[in-house]
PDB file of N, CA and C in Angstrom:
ATOM      1  N   MET A   1       7.426  20.599 -22.802  1.00  0.00           N
ATOM      2  CA  MET A   1       8.708  20.075 -23.208  1.00  0.00           C
ATOM      3  C   MET A   1       9.553  21.226 -23.706  1.00  0.00           C
ATOM      4  N   GLU A   2      10.795  21.211 -23.303  1.00  0.00           N
ATOM      5  CA  GLU A   2      11.732  22.237 -23.744  1.00  0.00           C
ATOM      6  C   GLU A   2      12.760  21.604 -24.683  1.00  0.00           C
ATOM      7  N   LEU A   3      12.923  22.206 -25.847  1.00  0.00           N
ATOM      8  CA  LEU A   3      13.929  21.752 -26.805  1.00  0.00           C
ATOM      9  C   LEU A   3      15.092  22.716 -26.783  1.00  0.00           C
ATOM     10  N   ARG A   4      16.283  22.157 -26.857  1.00  0.00           N
ATOM     11  CA  ARG A   4      17.486  22.983 -26.882  1.00  0.00           C
ATOM     12  C   ARG A   4      18.563  22.247 -27.646  1.00  0.00           C
ATOM     13  N   PRO A   5      19.546  22.963 -28.164  1.00  0.00           N
ATOM     14  CA  PRO A   5      20.666  22.303 -28.835  1.00  0.00           C
ATOM     15  C   PRO A   5      21.457  21.449 -27.841  1.00  0.00           C
ATOM     16  N   VAL A   6      22.054  20.404 -28.335  1.00  0.00           N
ATOM     17  CA  VAL A   6      22.884  19.540 -27.507  1.00  0.00           C
ATOM     18  C   VAL A   6      24.239  20.200 -27.306  1.00  0.00           C
ATOM     19  N   GLU A   7      24.731  20.157 -26.089  1.00  0.00           N
ATOM     20  CA  GLU A   7      26.055  20.691 -25.784  1.00  0.00           C
ATOM     21  C   GLU A   7      27.109  19.640 -26.145  1.00  0.00           C
ATOM     22  N   LYS A   8      28.275  20.088 -26.556  1.00  0.00           N
ATOM     23  CA  LYS A   8      29.347  19.150 -26.915  1.00  0.00           C
ATOM     24  C   LYS A   8      29.695  18.222 -25.761  1.00  0.00           C
ATOM     25  N   GLU A   9      29.569  18.696 -24.548  1.00  0.00           N
ATOM     26  CA  GLU A   9      29.864  17.877 -23.382  1.00  0.00           C
ATOM     27  C   GLU A   9      28.890  16.706 -23.249  1.00  0.00           C
ATOM     28  N   GLU A  10      27.764  16.768 -23.926  1.00  0.00           N
ATOM     29  CA  GLU A  10      26.742  15.726 -23.845  1.00  0.00           C
ATOM     30  C   GLU A  10      26.874  14.673 -24.947  1.00  0.00           C
ATOM     31  N   TYR A  11      27.750  14.885 -25.898  1.00  0.00           N
ATOM     32  CA  TYR A  11      27.875  13.961 -27.029  1.00  0.00           C
ATOM     33  C   TYR A  11      28.142  12.533 -26.570  1.00  0.00           C
ATOM     34  N   SER A  12      29.093  12.348 -25.685  1.00  0.00           N
ATOM     35  CA  SER A  12      29.450  11.013 -25.218  1.00  0.00           C
ATOM     36  C   SER A  12      28.270  10.348 -24.519  1.00  0.00           C
ATOM     37  N   PHE A  13      27.569  11.095 -23.685  1.00  0.00           N
ATOM     38  CA  PHE A  13      26.403  10.552 -22.994  1.00  0.00           C
ATOM     39  C   PHE A  13      25.357  10.069 -23.998  1.00  0.00           C
ATOM     40  N   ILE A  14      25.102  10.859 -25.024  1.00  0.00           N
ATOM     41  CA  ILE A  14      24.089  10.499 -26.020  1.00  0.00           C
ATOM     42  C   ILE A  14      24.506   9.253 -26.792  1.00  0.00           C
ATOM     43  N   GLU A  15      25.771   9.180 -27.176  1.00  0.00           N
ATOM     44  CA  GLU A  15      26.265   7.986 -27.871  1.00  0.00           C
ATOM     45  C   GLU A  15      26.118   6.749 -26.990  1.00  0.00           C
ATOM     46  N   ASP A  16      26.458   6.878 -25.713  1.00  0.00           N
ATOM     47  CA  ASP A  16      26.314   5.753 -24.786  1.00  0.00           C
ATOM     48  C   ASP A  16      24.851   5.384 -24.574  1.00  0.00           C
ATOM     49  N   PHE A  17      23.976   6.385 -24.543  1.00  0.00           N
ATOM     50  CA  PHE A  17      22.549   6.146 -24.382  1.00  0.00           C
ATOM     51  C   PHE A  17      21.996   5.349 -25.570  1.00  0.00           C
ATOM     52  N   VAL A  18      22.365   5.746 -26.770  1.00  0.00           N
ATOM     53  CA  VAL A  18      21.932   5.029 -27.974  1.00  0.00           C
ATOM     54  C   VAL A  18      22.399   3.578 -27.901  1.00  0.00           C
ATOM     55  N   TYR A  19      23.636   3.379 -27.509  1.00  0.00           N
ATOM     56  CA  TYR A  19      24.174   2.026 -27.367  1.00  0.00           C
ATOM     57  C   TYR A  19      23.382   1.216 -26.339  1.00  0.00           C
ATOM     58  N   GLU A  20      23.146   1.785 -25.168  1.00  0.00           N
ATOM     59  CA  GLU A  20      22.425   1.077 -24.102  1.00  0.00           C
ATOM     60  C   GLU A  20      21.011   0.689 -24.527  1.00  0.00           C
ATOM     61  N   VAL A  21      20.347   1.557 -25.247  1.00  0.00           N
ATOM     62  CA  VAL A  21      18.977   1.278 -25.691  1.00  0.00           C
ATOM     63  C   VAL A  21      18.945   0.120 -26.682  1.00  0.00           C
ATOM     64  N   LEU A  22      19.942   0.045 -27.539  1.00  0.00           N
ATOM     65  CA  LEU A  22      19.905  -0.930 -28.630  1.00  0.00           C
ATOM     66  C   LEU A  22      20.745  -2.182 -28.414  1.00  0.00           C
ATOM     67  N   LYS A  23      21.553  -2.244 -27.383  1.00  0.00           N
ATOM     68  CA  LYS A  23      22.524  -3.337 -27.249  1.00  0.00           C
ATOM     69  C   LYS A  23      21.903  -4.718 -27.076  1.00  0.00           C
ATOM     70  N   ASN A  24      20.727  -4.817 -26.530  1.00  0.00           N
ATOM     71  CA  ASN A  24      20.112  -6.123 -26.294  1.00  0.00           C
ATOM     72  C   ASN A  24      18.899  -6.385 -27.180  1.00  0.00           C
ATOM     73  N   THR A  25      18.837  -5.726 -28.305  1.00  0.00           N
ATOM     74  CA  THR A  25      17.707  -5.949 -29.202  1.00  0.00           C
ATOM     75  C   THR A  25      18.013  -7.119 -30.135  1.00  0.00           C
ATOM     76  N   ALA A  26      16.980  -7.624 -30.753  1.00  0.00           N
ATOM     77  CA  ALA A  26      17.135  -8.773 -31.654  1.00  0.00           C
ATOM     78  C   ALA A  26      17.813  -8.385 -32.968  1.00  0.00           C
ATOM     79  N   TYR A  27      17.831  -7.117 -33.304  1.00  0.00           N
ATOM     80  CA  TYR A  27      18.331  -6.694 -34.611  1.00  0.00           C
ATOM     81  C   TYR A  27      19.633  -5.903 -34.542  1.00  0.00           C
ATOM     82  N   SER A  28      20.160  -5.632 -33.354  1.00  0.00           N
ATOM     83  CA  SER A  28      21.378  -4.840 -33.265  1.00  0.00           C
ATOM     84  C   SER A  28      22.073  -5.075 -31.934  1.00  0.00           C
ATOM     85  N   ASN A  29      23.383  -4.820 -31.924  1.00  0.00           N
ATOM     86  CA  ASN A  29      24.104  -4.819 -30.655  1.00  0.00           C
ATOM     87  C   ASN A  29      24.414  -3.391 -30.199  1.00  0.00           C
ATOM     88  N   GLY A  30      23.907  -2.412 -30.933  1.00  0.00           N
ATOM     89  CA  GLY A  30      24.041  -1.011 -30.558  1.00  0.00           C
ATOM     90  C   GLY A  30      25.310  -0.323 -31.035  1.00  0.00           C
ATOM     91  N   LEU A  31      26.308  -1.077 -31.432  1.00  0.00           N
ATOM     92  CA  LEU A  31      27.578  -0.465 -31.812  1.00  0.00           C
ATOM     93  C   LEU A  31      27.497   0.325 -33.119  1.00  0.00           C
ATOM     94  N   ALA A  32      26.780  -0.196 -34.095  1.00  0.00           N
ATOM     95  CA  ALA A  32      26.666   0.503 -35.382  1.00  0.00           C
ATOM     96  C   ALA A  32      25.916   1.821 -35.220  1.00  0.00           C
ATOM     97  N   GLU A  33      24.869   1.817 -34.424  1.00  0.00           N
ATOM     98  CA  GLU A  33      24.085   3.040 -34.220  1.00  0.00           C
ATOM     99  C   GLU A  33      24.883   4.087 -33.443  1.00  0.00           C
ATOM    100  N   LYS A  34      25.627   3.628 -32.450  1.00  0.00           N
ATOM    101  CA  LYS A  34      26.480   4.539 -31.687  1.00  0.00           C
ATOM    102  C   LYS A  34      27.505   5.188 -32.620  1.00  0.00           C
ATOM    103  N   ALA A  35      28.119   4.381 -33.471  1.00  0.00           N
ATOM    104  CA  ALA A  35      29.092   4.904 -34.430  1.00  0.00           C
ATOM    105  C   ALA A  35      28.435   5.848 -35.434  1.00  0.00           C
ATOM    106  N   LEU A  36      27.215   5.554 -35.835  1.00  0.00           N
ATOM    107  CA  LEU A  36      26.503   6.405 -36.784  1.00  0.00           C
ATOM    108  C   LEU A  36      26.214   7.779 -36.189  1.00  0.00           C
ATOM    109  N   VAL A  37      25.818   7.826 -34.938  1.00  0.00           N
ATOM    110  CA  VAL A  37      25.579   9.115 -34.274  1.00  0.00           C
ATOM    111  C   VAL A  37      26.848   9.962 -34.321  1.00  0.00           C
ATOM    112  N   ARG A  38      27.977   9.354 -33.995  1.00  0.00           N
ATOM    113  CA  ARG A  38      29.253  10.077 -34.013  1.00  0.00           C
ATOM    114  C   ARG A  38      29.614  10.508 -35.435  1.00  0.00           C
ATOM    115  N   GLU A  39      29.439   9.600 -36.389  1.00  0.00           N
ATOM    116  CA  GLU A  39      29.785   9.907 -37.775  1.00  0.00           C
ATOM    117  C   GLU A  39      28.964  11.074 -38.316  1.00  0.00           C
ATOM    118  N   ILE A  40      27.690  11.097 -38.025  1.00  0.00           N
ATOM    119  CA  ILE A  40      26.832  12.193 -38.487  1.00  0.00           C
ATOM    120  C   ILE A  40      27.328  13.519 -37.919  1.00  0.00           C
ATOM    121  N   ARG A  41      27.664  13.543 -36.637  1.00  0.00           N
ATOM    122  CA  ARG A  41      28.136  14.787 -36.014  1.00  0.00           C
ATOM    123  C   ARG A  41      29.447  15.278 -36.609  1.00  0.00           C
ATOM    124  N   GLU A  42      30.260  14.373 -37.110  1.00  0.00           N
ATOM    125  CA  GLU A  42      31.573  14.757 -37.639  1.00  0.00           C
ATOM    126  C   GLU A  42      31.517  15.266 -39.080  1.00  0.00           C
ATOM    127  N   LYS A  43      30.373  15.127 -39.724  1.00  0.00           N
ATOM    128  CA  LYS A  43      30.242  15.578 -41.110  1.00  0.00           C
ATOM    129  C   LYS A  43      30.172  17.098 -41.167  1.00  0.00           C
ATOM    130  N   PRO A  44      30.728  17.696 -42.213  1.00  0.00           N
ATOM    131  CA  PRO A  44      30.710  19.161 -42.313  1.00  0.00           C
ATOM    132  C   PRO A  44      29.302  19.735 -42.483  1.00  0.00           C
ATOM    133  N   TYR A  45      28.377  18.946 -42.958  1.00  0.00           N
ATOM    134  CA  TYR A  45      27.021  19.449 -43.166  1.00  0.00           C
ATOM    135  C   TYR A  45      26.144  19.293 -41.927  1.00  0.00           C
ATOM    136  N   TYR A  46      26.670  18.723 -40.836  1.00  0.00           N
ATOM    137  CA  TYR A  46      25.884  18.571 -39.609  1.00  0.00           C
ATOM    138  C   TYR A  46      25.708  19.930 -38.947  1.00  0.00           C
ATOM    139  N   PHE A  47      24.498  20.235 -38.588  1.00  0.00           N
ATOM    140  CA  PHE A  47      24.225  21.440 -37.826  1.00  0.00           C
ATOM    141  C   PHE A  47      23.046  21.177 -36.921  1.00  0.00           C
ATOM    142  N   GLN A  48      22.981  21.912 -35.863  1.00  0.00           N
ATOM    143  CA  GLN A  48      21.883  21.775 -34.922  1.00  0.00           C
ATOM    144  C   GLN A  48      20.927  22.933 -35.134  1.00  0.00           C
ATOM    145  N   SER A  49      19.676  22.608 -35.125  1.00  0.00           N
ATOM    146  CA  SER A  49      18.687  23.671 -35.203  1.00  0.00           C
ATOM    147  C   SER A  49      17.488  23.271 -34.372  1.00  0.00           C
ATOM    148  N   LEU A  50      16.753  24.234 -33.974  1.00  0.00           N
ATOM    149  CA  LEU A  50      15.509  23.992 -33.260  1.00  0.00           C
ATOM    150  C   LEU A  50      14.360  24.245 -34.201  1.00  0.00           C
ATOM    151  N   ILE A  51      13.472  23.318 -34.248  1.00  0.00           N
ATOM    152  CA  ILE A  51      12.320  23.459 -35.145  1.00  0.00           C
ATOM    153  C   ILE A  51      11.159  24.045 -34.375  1.00  0.00           C
TER     154      ILE A  51
END
């Protein structure tokens, strides 16, 4: 497995992916999680690192 930082061009895809995974679950419609992913990225303390 190769780990790498996410490119800004991939942000929308990842948000949509989170939504698609969760939209038909019994506990979520996926919208809150999609918004949370975006909100976290917009915070000044958000940074990407490889562990």
